[in-house]
Amino acid sequence: MFVEGEVEIKVKDRATAVLDEHGLKLWVQRSFKDLSCYRISNFKQAPDKTIRAVVALKIDALPDNERTLIQTHSNDVGLLRSFMEKMFAGKGSCRAIGDPKLRES
């Protein structure tokens, strides 16, 4: 299972200045904890180093109690947003936009 939703990432990593779109996608993928980023789509980069993309994050690496909480409260948009934002560990900030959904693998 995974949580899928749109995120806005404000990049503060100077090393990304020389990356092309493919390199930035890899940077976004590596910026999520536990290699949880399963898929990236609708990738858009703004001139102000802001990235918008739809990401799918796996919940398999979570402790059992957190994974069960997400699975039993799959309609809790706030919980899913906070999960997506909490899983980001890159240099910058991540904000979930819209309503993330819990999806089957």
C-alpha atoms as a PDB file:
ATOM      1  CA  MET A   1       0.000   0.000   0.000  1.00  0.00           C
ATOM      2  CA  PHE A   2       1.067   3.558  -0.567  1.00  0.00           C
ATOM      3  CA  VAL A   3      -0.086   7.132  -0.016  1.00  0.00           C
ATOM      4  CA  GLU A   4      -0.332   9.198  -3.181  1.00  0.00           C
ATOM      5  CA  GLY A   5      -0.694  12.959  -3.347  1.00  0.00           C
ATOM      6  CA  GLU A   6       0.703  16.209  -4.704  1.00  0.00           C
ATOM      7  CA  VAL A   7       3.549  17.902  -2.858  1.00  0.00           C
ATOM      8  CA  GLU A   8       5.282  21.244  -3.135  1.00  0.00           C
ATOM      9  CA  ILE A   9       8.966  21.141  -2.260  1.00  0.00           C
ATOM     10  CA  LYS A  10      11.018  24.272  -1.668  1.00  0.00           C
ATOM     11  CA  VAL A  11      14.577  23.185  -2.404  1.00  0.00           C
ATOM     12  CA  LYS A  12      17.393  24.603  -0.276  1.00  0.00           C
ATOM     13  CA  ASP A  13      20.139  22.283  -1.510  1.00  0.00           C
ATOM     14  CA  ARG A  14      22.728  24.212  -3.547  1.00  0.00           C
ATOM     15  CA  ALA A  15      23.890  21.016  -5.239  1.00  0.00           C
ATOM     16  CA  THR A  16      20.606  20.856  -7.176  1.00  0.00           C
ATOM     17  CA  ALA A  17      21.475  23.999  -9.157  1.00  0.00           C
ATOM     18  CA  VAL A  18      23.406  21.957 -11.734  1.00  0.00           C
ATOM     19  CA  LEU A  19      20.907  19.099 -12.031  1.00  0.00           C
ATOM     20  CA  ASP A  20      18.668  18.557 -15.031  1.00  0.00           C
ATOM     21  CA  GLU A  21      15.055  17.367 -14.683  1.00  0.00           C
ATOM     22  CA  HIS A  22      16.049  13.703 -14.396  1.00  0.00           C
ATOM     23  CA  GLY A  23      18.616  14.541 -11.708  1.00  0.00           C
ATOM     24  CA  LEU A  24      16.023  16.545  -9.793  1.00  0.00           C
ATOM     25  CA  LYS A  25      13.582  13.645  -9.912  1.00  0.00           C
ATOM     26  CA  LEU A  26      16.258  11.395  -8.435  1.00  0.00           C
ATOM     27  CA  TRP A  27      16.976  14.027  -5.768  1.00  0.00           C
ATOM     28  CA  VAL A  28      13.258  14.126  -4.864  1.00  0.00           C
ATOM     29  CA  GLN A  29      13.120  10.337  -4.703  1.00  0.00           C
ATOM     30  CA  ARG A  30      16.144  10.172  -2.376  1.00  0.00           C
ATOM     31  CA  SER A  31      14.777  12.996  -0.211  1.00  0.00           C
ATOM     32  CA  PHE A  32      12.097  10.780   1.299  1.00  0.00           C
ATOM     33  CA  LYS A  33      12.994   8.562   4.278  1.00  0.00           C
ATOM     34  CA  ASP A  34      13.455   4.795   4.016  1.00  0.00           C
ATOM     35  CA  LEU A  35      13.462   4.898   0.202  1.00  0.00           C
ATOM     36  CA  SER A  36       9.702   5.238   0.483  1.00  0.00           C
ATOM     37  CA  CYS A  37       9.162   7.210  -2.745  1.00  0.00           C
ATOM     38  CA  TYR A  38       7.624   4.636  -5.068  1.00  0.00           C
ATOM     39  CA  ARG A  39       6.630   6.868  -7.989  1.00  0.00           C
ATOM     40  CA  ILE A  40       6.904  10.495  -9.178  1.00  0.00           C
ATOM     41  CA  SER A  41       4.583  11.992 -11.789  1.00  0.00           C
ATOM     42  CA  ASN A  42       3.399  15.415 -13.009  1.00  0.00           C
ATOM     43  CA  PHE A  43       6.840  16.837 -12.182  1.00  0.00           C
ATOM     44  CA  LYS A  44       7.091  20.621 -12.582  1.00  0.00           C
ATOM     45  CA  GLN A  45       9.944  22.912 -11.591  1.00  0.00           C
ATOM     46  CA  ALA A  46       9.474  26.660 -11.059  1.00  0.00           C
ATOM     47  CA  PRO A  47      12.288  29.215 -11.479  1.00  0.00           C
ATOM     48  CA  ASP A  48      12.259  29.921  -7.720  1.00  0.00           C
ATOM     49  CA  LYS A  49      13.552  26.375  -6.953  1.00  0.00           C
ATOM     50  CA  THR A  50      10.089  25.119  -6.079  1.00  0.00           C
ATOM     51  CA  ILE A  51       9.116  21.673  -7.291  1.00  0.00           C
ATOM     52  CA  ARG A  52       5.584  20.333  -7.605  1.00  0.00           C
ATOM     53  CA  ALA A  53       4.983  16.665  -8.199  1.00  0.00           C
ATOM     54  CA  VAL A  54       2.606  13.847  -7.435  1.00  0.00           C
ATOM     55  CA  VAL A  55       4.455  11.274  -5.338  1.00  0.00           C
ATOM     56  CA  ALA A  56       3.493   7.831  -4.092  1.00  0.00           C
ATOM     57  CA  LEU A  57       5.055   6.873  -0.751  1.00  0.00           C
ATOM     58  CA  LYS A  58       5.179   3.281   0.484  1.00  0.00           C
ATOM     59  CA  ILE A  59       3.995   2.646   4.038  1.00  0.00           C
ATOM     60  CA  ASP A  60       5.738  -0.750   4.380  1.00  0.00           C
ATOM     61  CA  ALA A  61       8.732   0.599   6.336  1.00  0.00           C
ATOM     62  CA  LEU A  62       6.564   2.175   9.032  1.00  0.00           C
ATOM     63  CA  PRO A  63       6.223   0.584  12.459  1.00  0.00           C
ATOM     64  CA  ASP A  64       3.165  -1.679  12.715  1.00  0.00           C
ATOM     65  CA  ASN A  65       1.139   0.748  14.835  1.00  0.00           C
ATOM     66  CA  GLU A  66       1.640   3.683  12.412  1.00  0.00           C
ATOM     67  CA  ARG A  67       0.909   1.531   9.356  1.00  0.00           C
ATOM     68  CA  THR A  68      -2.273   0.182  10.979  1.00  0.00           C
ATOM     69  CA  LEU A  69      -3.377   3.706  11.893  1.00  0.00           C
ATOM     70  CA  ILE A  70      -3.020   4.860   8.283  1.00  0.00           C
ATOM     71  CA  GLN A  71      -4.789   1.767   6.950  1.00  0.00           C
ATOM     72  CA  THR A  72      -7.734   2.087   9.347  1.00  0.00           C
ATOM     73  CA  HIS A  73      -8.071   5.864   8.862  1.00  0.00           C
ATOM     74  CA  SER A  74      -7.592   5.972   5.094  1.00  0.00           C
ATOM     75  CA  ASN A  75     -10.080   8.858   4.717  1.00  0.00           C
ATOM     76  CA  ASP A  76      -8.284  11.090   7.243  1.00  0.00           C
ATOM     77  CA  VAL A  77      -6.757  13.662   4.884  1.00  0.00           C
ATOM     78  CA  GLY A  78      -4.875  15.399   7.717  1.00  0.00           C
ATOM     79  CA  LEU A  79      -3.209  12.157   8.778  1.00  0.00           C
ATOM     80  CA  LEU A  80      -2.159  11.349   5.216  1.00  0.00           C
ATOM     81  CA  ARG A  81      -0.803  14.890   4.655  1.00  0.00           C
ATOM     82  CA  SER A  82       1.221  14.787   7.857  1.00  0.00           C
ATOM     83  CA  PHE A  83       2.619  11.370   6.882  1.00  0.00           C
ATOM     84  CA  MET A  84       3.787  12.712   3.509  1.00  0.00           C
ATOM     85  CA  GLU A  85       5.375  15.797   5.072  1.00  0.00           C
ATOM     86  CA  LYS A  86       6.997  13.778   7.875  1.00  0.00           C
ATOM     87  CA  MET A  87       8.617  11.370   5.426  1.00  0.00           C
ATOM     88  CA  PHE A  88      10.493  14.185   3.659  1.00  0.00           C
ATOM     89  CA  ALA A  89      14.091  14.431   4.870  1.00  0.00           C
ATOM     90  CA  GLY A  90      15.742  16.456   2.103  1.00  0.00           C
ATOM     91  CA  LYS A  91      17.311  19.894   2.292  1.00  0.00           C
ATOM     92  CA  GLY A  92      14.264  22.084   2.039  1.00  0.00           C
ATOM     93  CA  SER A  93      10.622  21.899   3.010  1.00  0.00           C
ATOM     94  CA  CYS A  94       7.760  19.756   1.794  1.00  0.00           C
ATOM     95  CA  ARG A  95       4.070  20.611   1.923  1.00  0.00           C
ATOM     96  CA  ALA A  96       1.288  18.261   0.881  1.00  0.00           C
ATOM     97  CA  ILE A  97      -1.256  19.898  -1.426  1.00  0.00           C
ATOM     98  CA  GLY A  98      -4.764  18.678  -2.064  1.00  0.00           C
ATOM     99  CA  ASP A  99      -6.169  15.457  -0.713  1.00  0.00           C
ATOM    100  CA  PRO A 100      -3.770  12.494  -0.581  1.00  0.00           C
ATOM    101  CA  LYS A 101      -5.242   9.016  -1.022  1.00  0.00           C
ATOM    102  CA  LEU A 102      -4.325   5.596   0.286  1.00  0.00           C
ATOM    103  CA  ARG A 103      -3.917   3.191  -2.644  1.00  0.00           C
ATOM    104  CA  GLU A 104      -3.370  -0.528  -2.973  1.00  0.00           C
ATOM    105  CA  SER A 105      -0.062  -1.745  -4.433  1.00  0.00           C
END
